[in-house]
Amino acid sequence: MDAGEEIAVLISRVALRDRTAFSALYTAAAPKLFSVCLRILKDRTEAEDALQEVFVKVWQRADRFAAIGTSPMGWLVAIARNHAIDILRARRPLADSIEEEGRTFPDSSPDPEVATVVKGEGRRIDRCMEELESDRASAVRSAYVEGLTYQELAERHGVPLNTMRTWLRRSLLKLRECLDR
């Protein structure tokens, strides 16, 4: 069974209110859907909130999937994309110019202390990523930065799907151990 068929089966089980299937669907689709939300909203916290709301919609609408006849991941991506766009539309439109509103906007750049902490954390993560084998580090980056699915990563790296899952799980454990040191 390919990844698309697997996701279709999970969606149909979610329509029957199967919580285990919902958890498996979240695990399989969340990275890709988070990537869609983040690309549109350009704010990590807002994208995380949007992702949770997307999965609430999936839970509520899973019974409608079979009637639509689209690809399972396409259906999920459409829900995420539409939800993120709705969030953008709900934002208060900004004035055409600052003078129209008669106010100024504060400097949005982080203060020096926050910038230093963020830069230090980034260096720690980079150091820990260097401890991984290069193909594992590449797979982790592709999964969590580009939002690629396990199937897409397995094809990119020329390994079986379960091998890719193992790579990511073990790599994340190594990263956690490294960051805890």
Protein backbone atom coordinates (compact mmCIF):
# COMPACT_ATOMS: atom_id res chain seq x y z
CA MET A 1 0.00 0.00 0.00
CA ASP A 2 1.50 3.36 -0.97
CA ALA A 3 1.42 6.45 1.25
CA GLY A 4 -1.64 7.91 -0.50
CA GLU A 5 -3.66 4.74 0.00
CA GLU A 6 -2.50 4.55 3.61
CA ILE A 7 -3.66 8.11 4.27
CA ALA A 8 -6.99 7.44 2.52
CA VAL A 9 -7.57 4.43 4.79
CA LEU A 10 -6.70 6.52 7.85
CA ILE A 11 -9.13 9.26 6.79
CA SER A 12 -11.90 6.71 6.31
CA ARG A 13 -11.20 5.29 9.77
CA VAL A 14 -11.21 8.82 11.22
CA ALA A 15 -14.67 9.26 9.68
CA LEU A 16 -15.71 6.34 11.90
CA ARG A 17 -14.24 8.25 14.90
CA ASP A 18 -11.21 5.95 15.28
CA ARG A 19 -8.84 7.87 17.58
CA THR A 20 -5.91 5.58 16.85
CA ALA A 21 -6.29 6.28 13.13
CA PHE A 22 -6.53 10.00 13.88
CA SER A 23 -3.24 9.84 15.80
CA ALA A 24 -1.59 7.94 12.95
CA LEU A 25 -2.98 10.43 10.42
CA TYR A 26 -1.57 13.30 12.48
CA THR A 27 1.84 11.64 12.59
CA ALA A 28 1.83 11.01 8.84
CA ALA A 29 0.45 14.36 7.64
CA ALA A 30 1.32 16.99 10.27
CA PRO A 31 4.81 17.90 8.96
CA LYS A 32 3.52 18.55 5.44
CA LEU A 33 0.44 20.46 6.64
CA PHE A 34 2.51 22.49 9.11
CA SER A 35 4.78 23.45 6.22
CA VAL A 36 1.76 24.66 4.22
CA CYS A 37 0.48 26.75 7.15
CA LEU A 38 3.93 28.17 7.89
CA ARG A 39 4.54 29.10 4.25
CA ILE A 40 1.27 31.05 4.12
CA LEU A 41 1.21 32.57 7.61
CA LYS A 42 4.98 33.17 7.96
CA ASP A 43 4.71 32.86 11.76
CA ARG A 44 5.62 29.62 13.52
CA THR A 45 3.27 30.06 16.51
CA GLU A 46 0.36 31.03 14.29
CA ALA A 47 1.11 28.07 12.00
CA GLU A 48 1.15 25.67 14.97
CA ASP A 49 -2.24 26.99 16.12
CA ALA A 50 -3.58 26.76 12.58
CA LEU A 51 -2.37 23.15 12.29
CA GLN A 52 -4.34 22.17 15.39
CA GLU A 53 -7.45 23.82 13.97
CA VAL A 54 -6.89 22.05 10.65
CA PHE A 55 -6.91 18.68 12.40
CA VAL A 56 -10.11 19.60 14.24
CA LYS A 57 -11.65 20.25 10.81
CA VAL A 58 -10.28 16.94 9.52
CA TRP A 59 -11.89 15.15 12.49
CA GLN A 60 -15.21 16.89 11.79
CA ARG A 61 -15.15 16.48 7.99
CA ALA A 62 -13.48 13.11 7.43
CA ASP A 63 -16.79 11.59 6.36
CA ARG A 64 -16.88 14.00 3.37
CA PHE A 65 -13.55 12.82 1.94
CA ALA A 66 -14.82 9.78 0.02
CA ALA A 67 -17.49 11.81 -1.79
CA ILE A 68 -14.96 14.32 -3.13
CA GLY A 69 -12.75 11.89 -5.05
CA THR A 70 -9.45 13.80 -4.70
CA SER A 71 -6.10 12.52 -3.52
CA PRO A 72 -5.97 12.15 0.27
CA MET A 73 -2.95 14.40 0.77
CA GLY A 74 -4.41 16.90 -1.70
CA TRP A 75 -7.61 17.00 0.35
CA LEU A 76 -5.66 17.56 3.59
CA VAL A 77 -3.44 20.22 2.00
CA ALA A 78 -6.51 22.03 0.65
CA ILE A 79 -8.01 22.16 4.14
CA ALA A 80 -4.74 23.51 5.58
CA ARG A 81 -4.26 26.01 2.78
CA ASN A 82 -7.82 27.31 2.95
CA HIS A 83 -7.68 27.60 6.73
CA ALA A 84 -4.39 29.53 6.62
CA ILE A 85 -5.79 31.86 3.96
CA ASP A 86 -8.90 32.41 6.11
CA ILE A 87 -6.63 33.43 8.99
CA LEU A 88 -4.85 35.92 6.72
CA ARG A 89 -8.17 37.37 5.57
CA ALA A 90 -9.36 37.76 9.16
CA ARG A 91 -6.40 39.95 10.02
CA ARG A 92 -7.20 43.63 10.18
CA PRO A 93 -6.03 45.26 6.96
CA LEU A 94 -3.14 47.66 7.46
CA ALA A 95 -3.48 51.26 6.37
CA ASP A 96 -1.90 52.20 3.03
CA SER A 97 0.54 54.43 4.84
CA ILE A 98 1.55 55.15 8.39
CA GLU A 99 0.35 58.74 8.03
CA GLU A 100 -3.21 57.56 7.32
CA GLU A 101 -3.39 55.91 10.70
CA GLY A 102 -1.47 58.69 12.41
CA ARG A 103 0.75 56.31 14.35
CA THR A 104 4.12 54.70 14.14
CA PHE A 105 5.03 51.09 14.54
CA PRO A 106 7.55 49.84 17.08
CA ASP A 107 10.76 48.20 15.98
CA SER A 108 9.91 44.52 15.57
CA SER A 109 13.48 43.25 15.69
CA PRO A 110 14.35 41.27 18.82
CA ASP A 111 16.28 43.00 21.56
CA PRO A 112 20.01 42.15 21.73
CA GLU A 113 19.58 39.69 24.60
CA VAL A 114 16.89 37.68 22.79
CA ALA A 115 18.90 37.77 19.54
CA THR A 116 21.97 36.42 21.36
CA VAL A 117 19.98 33.59 22.98
CA VAL A 118 18.37 32.64 19.65
CA LYS A 119 21.73 32.69 17.87
CA GLY A 120 23.25 30.51 20.62
CA GLU A 121 20.41 27.99 20.35
CA GLY A 122 20.85 27.92 16.58
CA ARG A 123 24.55 27.15 16.98
CA ARG A 124 23.74 24.36 19.48
CA ILE A 125 21.31 22.79 17.02
CA ASP A 126 23.84 23.11 14.18
CA ARG A 127 26.52 21.42 16.33
CA CYS A 128 24.15 18.58 17.19
CA MET A 129 23.14 18.19 13.52
CA GLU A 130 26.85 17.79 12.67
CA GLU A 131 26.95 14.73 14.96
CA LEU A 132 24.44 12.98 12.69
CA GLU A 133 25.48 11.15 9.54
CA SER A 134 25.12 13.50 6.58
CA ASP A 135 22.22 11.60 4.96
CA ARG A 136 20.35 11.49 8.30
CA ALA A 137 20.92 15.21 8.90
CA SER A 138 19.68 15.95 5.38
CA ALA A 139 16.55 13.85 5.96
CA VAL A 140 15.82 15.65 9.26
CA ARG A 141 16.22 19.07 7.61
CA SER A 142 14.02 18.06 4.67
CA ALA A 143 11.32 16.69 6.98
CA TYR A 144 11.16 19.60 9.40
CA VAL A 145 12.16 22.56 7.25
CA GLU A 146 10.71 21.59 3.85
CA GLY A 147 7.85 19.51 5.27
CA LEU A 148 8.55 16.44 3.13
CA THR A 149 6.65 13.26 3.98
CA TYR A 150 8.27 9.98 4.94
CA GLN A 151 7.49 8.64 1.45
CA GLU A 152 9.04 11.66 -0.28
CA LEU A 153 12.14 11.38 1.91
CA ALA A 154 12.45 7.64 1.28
CA GLU A 155 12.29 8.23 -2.48
CA ARG A 156 14.79 11.11 -2.30
CA HIS A 157 17.29 9.02 -0.33
CA GLY A 158 16.58 5.74 -2.11
CA VAL A 159 15.67 3.77 1.02
CA PRO A 160 12.56 1.83 2.07
CA LEU A 161 9.81 3.76 3.86
CA ASN A 162 10.30 2.02 7.20
CA THR A 163 14.04 2.69 7.03
CA MET A 164 13.29 6.38 6.63
CA ARG A 165 10.98 6.32 9.64
CA THR A 166 13.74 4.66 11.66
CA TRP A 167 16.32 7.21 10.47
CA LEU A 168 14.15 10.12 11.56
CA ARG A 169 13.16 8.59 14.90
CA ARG A 170 16.76 7.71 15.81
CA SER A 171 18.09 11.05 14.55
CA LEU A 172 15.59 12.98 16.67
CA LEU A 173 16.56 10.92 19.72
CA LYS A 174 20.24 11.69 19.09
CA LEU A 175 19.44 15.38 18.68
CA ARG A 176 17.48 15.41 21.93
CA GLU A 177 20.37 13.69 23.75
CA CYS A 178 22.84 16.18 22.31
CA LEU A 179 20.70 19.21 23.22
CA ASP A 180 20.21 17.90 26.77
CA ARG A 181 23.98 17.78 27.35
